[in-house]
Amino acid sequence: MMTGSTDMSPEQRVPEWGGDHLADPAGADTDGDTLGVDPTELSDEDLIREMHSLHRTRLDTLRHAADSALANHLRRTAELETEYLARHPGREVDPSRLRDV
């Protein structure tokens, strides 16, 4: 049986995340400065490049980064992926990635 912090999601365990990432889509830090370029201003090529970079560093960030860095990583990933899905609502789904229901 799991107890303590292991019962919480990663977002709940990272104090800086606070769950209000949706309330502040600009991703402002405590000084009011945005962290990263607004995803809506990125070209498709730049958006994909930024997502590749985040996914390439994901495990290292999750395992070894400070809580604030992990919180920023989670926020930025959500911003970029949300923008990608907004641009590509009918994205191609690879049939080999589907499971039988």
PDB file of N, CA and C in Angstrom:
ATOM      1  N   MET A   1       0.831  -1.180   0.000  1.00  0.00           N
ATOM      2  CA  MET A   1       0.000   0.000   0.000  1.00  0.00           C
ATOM      3  C   MET A   1       0.877   1.244   0.000  1.00  0.00           C
ATOM      4  N   MET A   2       0.540   2.208  -0.868  1.00  0.00           N
ATOM      5  CA  MET A   2       1.326   3.432  -0.960  1.00  0.00           C
ATOM      6  C   MET A   2       0.763   4.476  -0.013  1.00  0.00           C
ATOM      7  N   THR A   3       1.657   5.205   0.621  1.00  0.00           N
ATOM      8  CA  THR A   3       1.230   6.266   1.527  1.00  0.00           C
ATOM      9  C   THR A   3       2.069   7.496   1.298  1.00  0.00           C
ATOM     10  N   GLY A   4       1.684   8.586   1.891  1.00  0.00           N
ATOM     11  CA  GLY A   4       2.469   9.819   1.826  1.00  0.00           C
ATOM     12  C   GLY A   4       2.453  10.432   0.452  1.00  0.00           C
ATOM     13  N   SER A   5       3.609  11.009   0.066  1.00  0.00           N
ATOM     14  CA  SER A   5       3.686  11.764  -1.177  1.00  0.00           C
ATOM     15  C   SER A   5       3.536  10.888  -2.413  1.00  0.00           C
ATOM     16  N   THR A   6       3.715   9.572  -2.295  1.00  0.00           N
ATOM     17  CA  THR A   6       3.584   8.717  -3.465  1.00  0.00           C
ATOM     18  C   THR A   6       2.138   8.605  -3.933  1.00  0.00           C
ATOM     19  N   ASP A   7       1.172   9.021  -3.108  1.00  0.00           N
ATOM     20  CA  ASP A   7      -0.232   9.009  -3.504  1.00  0.00           C
ATOM     21  C   ASP A   7      -0.597  10.242  -4.315  1.00  0.00           C
ATOM     22  N   MET A   8       0.321  11.180  -4.453  1.00  0.00           N
ATOM     23  CA  MET A   8       0.029  12.433  -5.150  1.00  0.00           C
ATOM     24  C   MET A   8       0.593  12.383  -6.569  1.00  0.00           C
ATOM     25  N   SER A   9      -0.027  13.146  -7.454  1.00  0.00           N
ATOM     26  CA  SER A   9       0.480  13.269  -8.813  1.00  0.00           C
ATOM     27  C   SER A   9       1.761  14.103  -8.791  1.00  0.00           C
ATOM     28  N   PRO A  10       2.552  14.061  -9.882  1.00  0.00           N
ATOM     29  CA  PRO A  10       3.758  14.897  -9.919  1.00  0.00           C
ATOM     30  C   PRO A  10       3.442  16.375  -9.724  1.00  0.00           C
ATOM     31  N   GLU A  11       2.339  16.836 -10.304  1.00  0.00           N
ATOM     32  CA  GLU A  11       1.971  18.249 -10.167  1.00  0.00           C
ATOM     33  C   GLU A  11       1.676  18.611  -8.724  1.00  0.00           C
ATOM     34  N   GLN A  12       1.072  17.682  -7.968  1.00  0.00           N
ATOM     35  CA  GLN A  12       0.769  17.944  -6.571  1.00  0.00           C
ATOM     36  C   GLN A  12       2.036  17.943  -5.721  1.00  0.00           C
ATOM     37  N   ARG A  13       3.040  17.167  -6.121  1.00  0.00           N
ATOM     38  CA  ARG A  13       4.277  17.079  -5.348  1.00  0.00           C
ATOM     39  C   ARG A  13       5.207  18.260  -5.610  1.00  0.00           C
ATOM     40  N   VAL A  14       4.973  19.019  -6.688  1.00  0.00           N
ATOM     41  CA  VAL A  14       5.830  20.148  -7.023  1.00  0.00           C
ATOM     42  C   VAL A  14       5.122  21.419  -6.588  1.00  0.00           C
ATOM     43  N   PRO A  15       5.562  22.023  -5.484  1.00  0.00           N
ATOM     44  CA  PRO A  15       4.861  23.184  -4.933  1.00  0.00           C
ATOM     45  C   PRO A  15       4.712  24.341  -5.920  1.00  0.00           C
ATOM     46  N   GLU A  16       5.711  24.573  -6.760  1.00  0.00           N
ATOM     47  CA  GLU A  16       5.658  25.695  -7.691  1.00  0.00           C
ATOM     48  C   GLU A  16       4.591  25.501  -8.758  1.00  0.00           C
ATOM     49  N   TRP A  17       4.194  24.254  -9.013  1.00  0.00           N
ATOM     50  CA  TRP A  17       3.200  23.982 -10.059  1.00  0.00           C
ATOM     51  C   TRP A  17       1.876  24.597  -9.666  1.00  0.00           C
ATOM     52  N   GLY A  18       1.386  24.283  -8.466  1.00  0.00           N
ATOM     53  CA  GLY A  18       0.206  24.916  -7.910  1.00  0.00           C
ATOM     54  C   GLY A  18      -1.095  24.658  -8.637  1.00  0.00           C
ATOM     55  N   GLY A  19      -1.062  23.937  -9.756  1.00  0.00           N
ATOM     56  CA  GLY A  19      -2.281  23.623 -10.468  1.00  0.00           C
ATOM     57  C   GLY A  19      -2.900  24.795 -11.196  1.00  0.00           C
ATOM     58  N   ASP A  20      -2.296  25.972 -11.142  1.00  0.00           N
ATOM     59  CA  ASP A  20      -2.907  27.118 -11.798  1.00  0.00           C
ATOM     60  C   ASP A  20      -2.256  27.412 -13.145  1.00  0.00           C
ATOM     61  N   HIS A  21      -1.622  26.393 -13.726  1.00  0.00           N
ATOM     62  CA  HIS A  21      -1.010  26.570 -15.034  1.00  0.00           C
ATOM     63  C   HIS A  21      -2.045  26.890 -16.102  1.00  0.00           C
ATOM     64  N   LEU A  22      -3.280  26.466 -15.908  1.00  0.00           N
ATOM     65  CA  LEU A  22      -4.331  26.767 -16.871  1.00  0.00           C
ATOM     66  C   LEU A  22      -4.875  28.175 -16.668  1.00  0.00           C
ATOM     67  N   ALA A  23      -4.793  28.668 -15.446  1.00  0.00           N
ATOM     68  CA  ALA A  23      -5.292  30.009 -15.149  1.00  0.00           C
ATOM     69  C   ALA A  23      -4.364  31.080 -15.713  1.00  0.00           C
ATOM     70  N   ASP A  24      -3.099  30.745 -15.914  1.00  0.00           N
ATOM     71  CA  ASP A  24      -2.130  31.699 -16.420  1.00  0.00           C
ATOM     72  C   ASP A  24      -1.444  31.136 -17.654  1.00  0.00           C
ATOM     73  N   PRO A  25      -2.125  31.124 -18.805  1.00  0.00           N
ATOM     74  CA  PRO A  25      -1.546  30.513 -19.991  1.00  0.00           C
ATOM     75  C   PRO A  25      -0.289  31.207 -20.485  1.00  0.00           C
ATOM     76  N   ALA A  26      -0.055  32.420 -20.058  1.00  0.00           N
ATOM     77  CA  ALA A  26       1.169  33.114 -20.463  1.00  0.00           C
ATOM     78  C   ALA A  26       2.378  32.572 -19.733  1.00  0.00           C
ATOM     79  N   GLY A  27       2.164  31.839 -18.647  1.00  0.00           N
ATOM     80  CA  GLY A  27       3.272  31.244 -17.908  1.00  0.00           C
ATOM     81  C   GLY A  27       4.136  32.281 -17.226  1.00  0.00           C
ATOM     82  N   ALA A  28       3.535  33.274 -16.651  1.00  0.00           N
ATOM     83  CA  ALA A  28       4.303  34.330 -15.990  1.00  0.00           C
ATOM     84  C   ALA A  28       4.956  33.791 -14.731  1.00  0.00           C
ATOM     85  N   ASP A  29       6.180  34.209 -14.504  1.00  0.00           N
ATOM     86  CA  ASP A  29       6.829  33.839 -13.251  1.00  0.00           C
ATOM     87  C   ASP A  29       6.453  34.866 -12.186  1.00  0.00           C
ATOM     88  N   THR A  30       7.089  34.795 -11.030  1.00  0.00           N
ATOM     89  CA  THR A  30       6.696  35.662  -9.920  1.00  0.00           C
ATOM     90  C   THR A  30       6.981  37.133 -10.189  1.00  0.00           C
ATOM     91  N   ASP A  31       7.889  37.423 -11.125  1.00  0.00           N
ATOM     92  CA  ASP A  31       8.182  38.813 -11.457  1.00  0.00           C
ATOM     93  C   ASP A  31       7.313  39.326 -12.595  1.00  0.00           C
ATOM     94  N   GLY A  32       6.425  38.482 -13.113  1.00  0.00           N
ATOM     95  CA  GLY A  32       5.554  38.881 -14.204  1.00  0.00           C
ATOM     96  C   GLY A  32       6.179  38.697 -15.575  1.00  0.00           C
ATOM     97  N   ASP A  33       7.378  38.136 -15.639  1.00  0.00           N
ATOM     98  CA  ASP A  33       8.024  37.887 -16.924  1.00  0.00           C
ATOM     99  C   ASP A  33       7.583  36.525 -17.449  1.00  0.00           C
ATOM    100  N   THR A  34       7.377  36.445 -18.759  1.00  0.00           N
ATOM    101  CA  THR A  34       7.002  35.162 -19.334  1.00  0.00           C
ATOM    102  C   THR A  34       8.237  34.283 -19.444  1.00  0.00           C
ATOM    103  N   LEU A  35       8.007  32.995 -19.342  1.00  0.00           N
ATOM    104  CA  LEU A  35       9.093  32.023 -19.442  1.00  0.00           C
ATOM    105  C   LEU A  35       8.977  31.323 -20.785  1.00  0.00           C
ATOM    106  N   GLY A  36       9.735  31.785 -21.757  1.00  0.00           N
ATOM    107  CA  GLY A  36       9.692  31.205 -23.085  1.00  0.00           C
ATOM    108  C   GLY A  36       8.792  31.994 -24.009  1.00  0.00           C
ATOM    109  N   VAL A  37       8.989  31.778 -25.303  1.00  0.00           N
ATOM    110  CA  VAL A  37       8.191  32.442 -26.323  1.00  0.00           C
ATOM    111  C   VAL A  37       6.783  31.870 -26.305  1.00  0.00           C
ATOM    112  N   ASP A  38       5.798  32.736 -26.445  1.00  0.00           N
ATOM    113  CA  ASP A  38       4.410  32.297 -26.523  1.00  0.00           C
ATOM    114  C   ASP A  38       4.294  31.289 -27.663  1.00  0.00           C
ATOM    115  N   PRO A  39       3.802  30.081 -27.393  1.00  0.00           N
ATOM    116  CA  PRO A  39       3.719  29.055 -28.434  1.00  0.00           C
ATOM    117  C   PRO A  39       2.925  29.481 -29.666  1.00  0.00           C
ATOM    118  N   THR A  40       1.960  30.379 -29.506  1.00  0.00           N
ATOM    119  CA  THR A  40       1.176  30.829 -30.662  1.00  0.00           C
ATOM    120  C   THR A  40       2.024  31.645 -31.629  1.00  0.00           C
ATOM    121  N   GLU A  41       3.169  32.159 -31.163  1.00  0.00           N
ATOM    122  CA  GLU A  41       4.049  32.954 -32.006  1.00  0.00           C
ATOM    123  C   GLU A  41       5.104  32.115 -32.717  1.00  0.00           C
ATOM    124  N   LEU A  42       5.190  30.833 -32.408  1.00  0.00           N
ATOM    125  CA  LEU A  42       6.188  29.961 -33.017  1.00  0.00           C
ATOM    126  C   LEU A  42       5.691  29.430 -34.360  1.00  0.00           C
ATOM    127  N   SER A  43       6.614  29.290 -35.300  1.00  0.00           N
ATOM    128  CA  SER A  43       6.280  28.617 -36.556  1.00  0.00           C
ATOM    129  C   SER A  43       6.072  27.128 -36.241  1.00  0.00           C
ATOM    130  N   ASP A  44       5.466  26.396 -37.162  1.00  0.00           N
ATOM    131  CA  ASP A  44       5.292  24.951 -36.950  1.00  0.00           C
ATOM    132  C   ASP A  44       6.639  24.273 -36.718  1.00  0.00           C
ATOM    133  N   GLU A  45       7.641  24.653 -37.499  1.00  0.00           N
ATOM    134  CA  GLU A  45       8.971  24.064 -37.362  1.00  0.00           C
ATOM    135  C   GLU A  45       9.561  24.349 -35.981  1.00  0.00           C
ATOM    136  N   ASP A  46       9.428  25.583 -35.514  1.00  0.00           N
ATOM    137  CA  ASP A  46       9.951  25.944 -34.188  1.00  0.00           C
ATOM    138  C   ASP A  46       9.181  25.240 -33.072  1.00  0.00           C
ATOM    139  N   LEU A  47       7.876  25.109 -33.231  1.00  0.00           N
ATOM    140  CA  LEU A  47       7.062  24.420 -32.232  1.00  0.00           C
ATOM    141  C   LEU A  47       7.503  22.970 -32.088  1.00  0.00           C
ATOM    142  N   ILE A  48       7.692  22.284 -33.212  1.00  0.00           N
ATOM    143  CA  ILE A  48       8.153  20.888 -33.184  1.00  0.00           C
ATOM    144  C   ILE A  48       9.547  20.802 -32.570  1.00  0.00           C
ATOM    145  N   ARG A  49      10.437  21.725 -32.938  1.00  0.00           N
ATOM    146  CA  ARG A  49      11.794  21.715 -32.386  1.00  0.00           C
ATOM    147  C   ARG A  49      11.774  21.886 -30.871  1.00  0.00           C
ATOM    148  N   GLU A  50      10.934  22.815 -30.380  1.00  0.00           N
ATOM    149  CA  GLU A  50      10.824  23.037 -28.936  1.00  0.00           C
ATOM    150  C   GLU A  50      10.284  21.794 -28.218  1.00  0.00           C
ATOM    151  N   MET A  51       9.286  21.140 -28.826  1.00  0.00           N
ATOM    152  CA  MET A  51       8.740  19.918 -28.211  1.00  0.00           C
ATOM    153  C   MET A  51       9.782  18.808 -28.191  1.00  0.00           C
ATOM    154  N   HIS A  52      10.558  18.670 -29.273  1.00  0.00           N
ATOM    155  CA  HIS A  52      11.637  17.672 -29.297  1.00  0.00           C
ATOM    156  C   HIS A  52      12.616  17.921 -28.163  1.00  0.00           C
ATOM    157  N   SER A  53      12.985  19.168 -27.976  1.00  0.00           N
ATOM    158  CA  SER A  53      13.940  19.512 -26.930  1.00  0.00           C
ATOM    159  C   SER A  53      13.405  19.148 -25.545  1.00  0.00           C
ATOM    160  N   LEU A  54      12.149  19.486 -25.278  1.00  0.00           N
ATOM    161  CA  LEU A  54      11.558  19.158 -23.981  1.00  0.00           C
ATOM    162  C   LEU A  54      11.462  17.656 -23.754  1.00  0.00           C
ATOM    163  N   HIS A  55      11.060  16.925 -24.772  1.00  0.00           N
ATOM    164  CA  HIS A  55      10.931  15.482 -24.612  1.00  0.00           C
ATOM    165  C   HIS A  55      12.293  14.810 -24.464  1.00  0.00           C
ATOM    166  N   ARG A  56      13.315  15.360 -25.118  1.00  0.00           N
ATOM    167  CA  ARG A  56      14.660  14.809 -25.017  1.00  0.00           C
ATOM    168  C   ARG A  56      15.209  14.965 -23.596  1.00  0.00           C
ATOM    169  N   THR A  57      14.825  16.036 -22.905  1.00  0.00           N
ATOM    170  CA  THR A  57      15.357  16.302 -21.567  1.00  0.00           C
ATOM    171  C   THR A  57      14.406  15.868 -20.445  1.00  0.00           C
ATOM    172  N   ARG A  58      13.281  15.260 -20.792  1.00  0.00           N
ATOM    173  CA  ARG A  58      12.223  14.945 -19.832  1.00  0.00           C
ATOM    174  C   ARG A  58      12.693  14.091 -18.662  1.00  0.00           C
ATOM    175  N   LEU A  59      13.283  12.952 -18.928  1.00  0.00           N
ATOM    176  CA  LEU A  59      13.657  12.039 -17.845  1.00  0.00           C
ATOM    177  C   LEU A  59      14.696  12.665 -16.920  1.00  0.00           C
ATOM    178  N   ASP A  60      15.688  13.319 -17.490  1.00  0.00           N
ATOM    179  CA  ASP A  60      16.709  13.959 -16.666  1.00  0.00           C
ATOM    180  C   ASP A  60      16.103  15.044 -15.784  1.00  0.00           C
ATOM    181  N   THR A  61      15.182  15.822 -16.348  1.00  0.00           N
ATOM    182  CA  THR A  61      14.516  16.876 -15.569  1.00  0.00           C
ATOM    183  C   THR A  61      13.683  16.269 -14.455  1.00  0.00           C
ATOM    184  N   LEU A  62      12.932  15.232 -14.775  1.00  0.00           N
ATOM    185  CA  LEU A  62      12.086  14.569 -13.782  1.00  0.00           C
ATOM    186  C   LEU A  62      12.917  13.987 -12.641  1.00  0.00           C
ATOM    187  N   ARG A  63      14.032  13.388 -12.962  1.00  0.00           N
ATOM    188  CA  ARG A  63      14.826  12.705 -11.943  1.00  0.00           C
ATOM    189  C   ARG A  63      15.769  13.621 -11.164  1.00  0.00           C
ATOM    190  N   HIS A  64      16.274  14.673 -11.798  1.00  0.00           N
ATOM    191  CA  HIS A  64      17.381  15.381 -11.170  1.00  0.00           C
ATOM    192  C   HIS A  64      17.226  16.891 -11.021  1.00  0.00           C
ATOM    193  N   ALA A  65      16.234  17.492 -11.637  1.00  0.00           N
ATOM    194  CA  ALA A  65      16.117  18.956 -11.589  1.00  0.00           C
ATOM    195  C   ALA A  65      15.460  19.426 -10.296  1.00  0.00           C
ATOM    196  N   ALA A  66      15.697  20.664  -9.969  1.00  0.00           N
ATOM    197  CA  ALA A  66      15.041  21.281  -8.814  1.00  0.00           C
ATOM    198  C   ALA A  66      13.540  21.342  -9.070  1.00  0.00           C
ATOM    199  N   ASP A  67      12.768  21.429  -8.000  1.00  0.00           N
ATOM    200  CA  ASP A  67      11.305  21.493  -8.125  1.00  0.00           C
ATOM    201  C   ASP A  67      10.860  22.612  -9.052  1.00  0.00           C
ATOM    202  N   SER A  68      11.504  23.764  -8.963  1.00  0.00           N
ATOM    203  CA  SER A  68      11.106  24.889  -9.808  1.00  0.00           C
ATOM    204  C   SER A  68      11.378  24.596 -11.284  1.00  0.00           C
ATOM    205  N   ALA A  69      12.476  23.914 -11.566  1.00  0.00           N
ATOM    206  CA  ALA A  69      12.787  23.553 -12.953  1.00  0.00           C
ATOM    207  C   ALA A  69      11.790  22.518 -13.477  1.00  0.00           C
ATOM    208  N   LEU A  70      11.427  21.561 -12.645  1.00  0.00           N
ATOM    209  CA  LEU A  70      10.434  20.573 -13.049  1.00  0.00           C
ATOM    210  C   LEU A  70       9.084  21.238 -13.282  1.00  0.00           C
ATOM    211  N   ALA A  71       8.716  22.154 -12.419  1.00  0.00           N
ATOM    212  CA  ALA A  71       7.450  22.867 -12.591  1.00  0.00           C
ATOM    213  C   ALA A  71       7.445  23.641 -13.909  1.00  0.00           C
ATOM    214  N   ASN A  72       8.554  24.305 -14.227  1.00  0.00           N
ATOM    215  CA  ASN A  72       8.655  25.047 -15.483  1.00  0.00           C
ATOM    216  C   ASN A  72       8.580  24.086 -16.667  1.00  0.00           C
ATOM    217  N   HIS A  73       9.247  22.951 -16.554  1.00  0.00           N
ATOM    218  CA  HIS A  73       9.239  21.935 -17.620  1.00  0.00           C
ATOM    219  C   HIS A  73       7.819  21.430 -17.862  1.00  0.00           C
ATOM    220  N   LEU A  74       7.088  21.123 -16.798  1.00  0.00           N
ATOM    221  CA  LEU A  74       5.708  20.646 -16.926  1.00  0.00           C
ATOM    222  C   LEU A  74       4.817  21.711 -17.571  1.00  0.00           C
ATOM    223  N   ARG A  75       4.987  22.956 -17.128  1.00  0.00           N
ATOM    224  CA  ARG A  75       4.190  24.053 -17.672  1.00  0.00           C
ATOM    225  C   ARG A  75       4.473  24.263 -19.142  1.00  0.00           C
ATOM    226  N   ARG A  76       5.744  24.299 -19.496  1.00  0.00           N
ATOM    227  CA  ARG A  76       6.125  24.559 -20.882  1.00  0.00           C
ATOM    228  C   ARG A  76       5.686  23.423 -21.796  1.00  0.00           C
ATOM    229  N   THR A  77       5.822  22.195 -21.332  1.00  0.00           N
ATOM    230  CA  THR A  77       5.365  21.044 -22.117  1.00  0.00           C
ATOM    231  C   THR A  77       3.871  21.147 -22.383  1.00  0.00           C
ATOM    232  N   ALA A  78       3.108  21.475 -21.363  1.00  0.00           N
ATOM    233  CA  ALA A  78       1.651  21.616 -21.523  1.00  0.00           C
ATOM    234  C   ALA A  78       1.322  22.727 -22.510  1.00  0.00           C
ATOM    235  N   GLU A  79       2.016  23.849 -22.439  1.00  0.00           N
ATOM    236  CA  GLU A  79       1.768  24.961 -23.360  1.00  0.00           C
ATOM    237  C   GLU A  79       2.028  24.558 -24.806  1.00  0.00           C
ATOM    238  N   LEU A  80       3.184  23.951 -25.038  1.00  0.00           N
ATOM    239  CA  LEU A  80       3.563  23.595 -26.403  1.00  0.00           C
ATOM    240  C   LEU A  80       2.664  22.499 -26.976  1.00  0.00           C
ATOM    241  N   GLU A  81       2.366  21.487 -26.173  1.00  0.00           N
ATOM    242  CA  GLU A  81       1.521  20.407 -26.659  1.00  0.00           C
ATOM    243  C   GLU A  81       0.085  20.869 -26.893  1.00  0.00           C
ATOM    244  N   THR A  82      -0.402  21.765 -26.051  1.00  0.00           N
ATOM    245  CA  THR A  82      -1.739  22.326 -26.251  1.00  0.00           C
ATOM    246  C   THR A  82      -1.797  23.105 -27.560  1.00  0.00           C
ATOM    247  N   GLU A  83      -0.756  23.875 -27.842  1.00  0.00           N
ATOM    248  CA  GLU A  83      -0.703  24.630 -29.103  1.00  0.00           C
ATOM    249  C   GLU A  83      -0.637  23.677 -30.296  1.00  0.00           C
ATOM    250  N   TYR A  84       0.154  22.625 -30.177  1.00  0.00           N
ATOM    251  CA  TYR A  84       0.245  21.648 -31.274  1.00  0.00           C
ATOM    252  C   TYR A  84      -1.130  21.042 -31.560  1.00  0.00           C
ATOM    253  N   LEU A  85      -1.837  20.628 -30.513  1.00  0.00           N
ATOM    254  CA  LEU A  85      -3.160  20.027 -30.689  1.00  0.00           C
ATOM    255  C   LEU A  85      -4.164  21.030 -31.252  1.00  0.00           C
ATOM    256  N   ALA A  86      -4.038  22.295 -30.895  1.00  0.00           N
ATOM    257  CA  ALA A  86      -4.922  23.322 -31.443  1.00  0.00           C
ATOM    258  C   ALA A  86      -4.683  23.500 -32.941  1.00  0.00           C
ATOM    259  N   ARG A  87      -3.429  23.396 -33.360  1.00  0.00           N
ATOM    260  CA  ARG A  87      -3.099  23.544 -34.775  1.00  0.00           C
ATOM    261  C   ARG A  87      -3.420  22.297 -35.585  1.00  0.00           C
ATOM    262  N   HIS A  88      -3.408  21.148 -34.937  1.00  0.00           N
ATOM    263  CA  HIS A  88      -3.583  19.873 -35.638  1.00  0.00           C
ATOM    264  C   HIS A  88      -4.669  19.027 -34.976  1.00  0.00           C
ATOM    265  N   PRO A  89      -5.901  19.522 -34.952  1.00  0.00           N
ATOM    266  CA  PRO A  89      -6.968  18.770 -34.270  1.00  0.00           C
ATOM    267  C   PRO A  89      -7.271  17.428 -34.949  1.00  0.00           C
ATOM    268  N   GLY A  90      -7.012  17.325 -36.229  1.00  0.00           N
ATOM    269  CA  GLY A  90      -7.251  16.074 -36.949  1.00  0.00           C
ATOM    270  C   GLY A  90      -5.964  15.336 -37.243  1.00  0.00           C
ATOM    271  N   ARG A  91      -5.041  15.399 -36.281  1.00  0.00           N
ATOM    272  CA  ARG A  91      -3.728  14.796 -36.509  1.00  0.00           C
ATOM    273  C   ARG A  91      -3.867  13.329 -36.893  1.00  0.00           C
ATOM    274  N   GLU A  92      -2.926  12.859 -37.669  1.00  0.00           N
ATOM    275  CA  GLU A  92      -2.947  11.475 -38.139  1.00  0.00           C
ATOM    276  C   GLU A  92      -2.609  10.543 -36.978  1.00  0.00           C
ATOM    277  N   VAL A  93      -3.448   9.548 -36.774  1.00  0.00           N
ATOM    278  CA  VAL A  93      -3.216   8.564 -35.722  1.00  0.00           C
ATOM    279  C   VAL A  93      -2.716   7.289 -36.379  1.00  0.00           C
ATOM    280  N   ASP A  94      -1.573   6.811 -35.935  1.00  0.00           N
ATOM    281  CA  ASP A  94      -0.977   5.589 -36.463  1.00  0.00           C
ATOM    282  C   ASP A  94      -1.789   4.396 -35.965  1.00  0.00           C
ATOM    283  N   PRO A  95      -2.386   3.613 -36.862  1.00  0.00           N
ATOM    284  CA  PRO A  95      -3.207   2.472 -36.440  1.00  0.00           C
ATOM    285  C   PRO A  95      -2.453   1.469 -35.570  1.00  0.00           C
ATOM    286  N   SER A  96      -1.136   1.388 -35.735  1.00  0.00           N
ATOM    287  CA  SER A  96      -0.361   0.447 -34.915  1.00  0.00           C
ATOM    288  C   SER A  96      -0.268   0.918 -33.462  1.00  0.00           C
ATOM    289  N   ARG A  97      -0.658   2.169 -33.185  1.00  0.00           N
ATOM    290  CA  ARG A  97      -0.630   2.701 -31.830  1.00  0.00           C
ATOM    291  C   ARG A  97      -1.964   2.511 -31.106  1.00  0.00           C
ATOM    292  N   LEU A  98      -2.946   1.955 -31.783  1.00  0.00           N
ATOM    293  CA  LEU A  98      -4.267   1.765 -31.191  1.00  0.00           C
ATOM    294  C   LEU A  98      -4.335   0.413 -30.498  1.00  0.00           C
ATOM    295  N   ARG A  99      -5.124   0.375 -29.451  1.00  0.00           N
ATOM    296  CA  ARG A  99      -5.349  -0.879 -28.721  1.00  0.00           C
ATOM    297  C   ARG A  99      -6.761  -1.366 -29.005  1.00  0.00           C
ATOM    298  N   ASP A 100      -6.924  -2.677 -29.014  1.00  0.00           N
ATOM    299  CA  ASP A 100      -8.272  -3.230 -29.131  1.00  0.00           C
ATOM    300  C   ASP A 100      -9.023  -2.945 -27.847  1.00  0.00           C
ATOM    301  N   VAL A 101     -10.278  -2.541 -27.995  1.00  0.00           N
ATOM    302  CA  VAL A 101     -11.087  -2.210 -26.814  1.00  0.00           C
ATOM    303  C   VAL A 101     -11.933  -3.385 -26.437  1.00  0.00           C
TER     304      VAL A 101
END
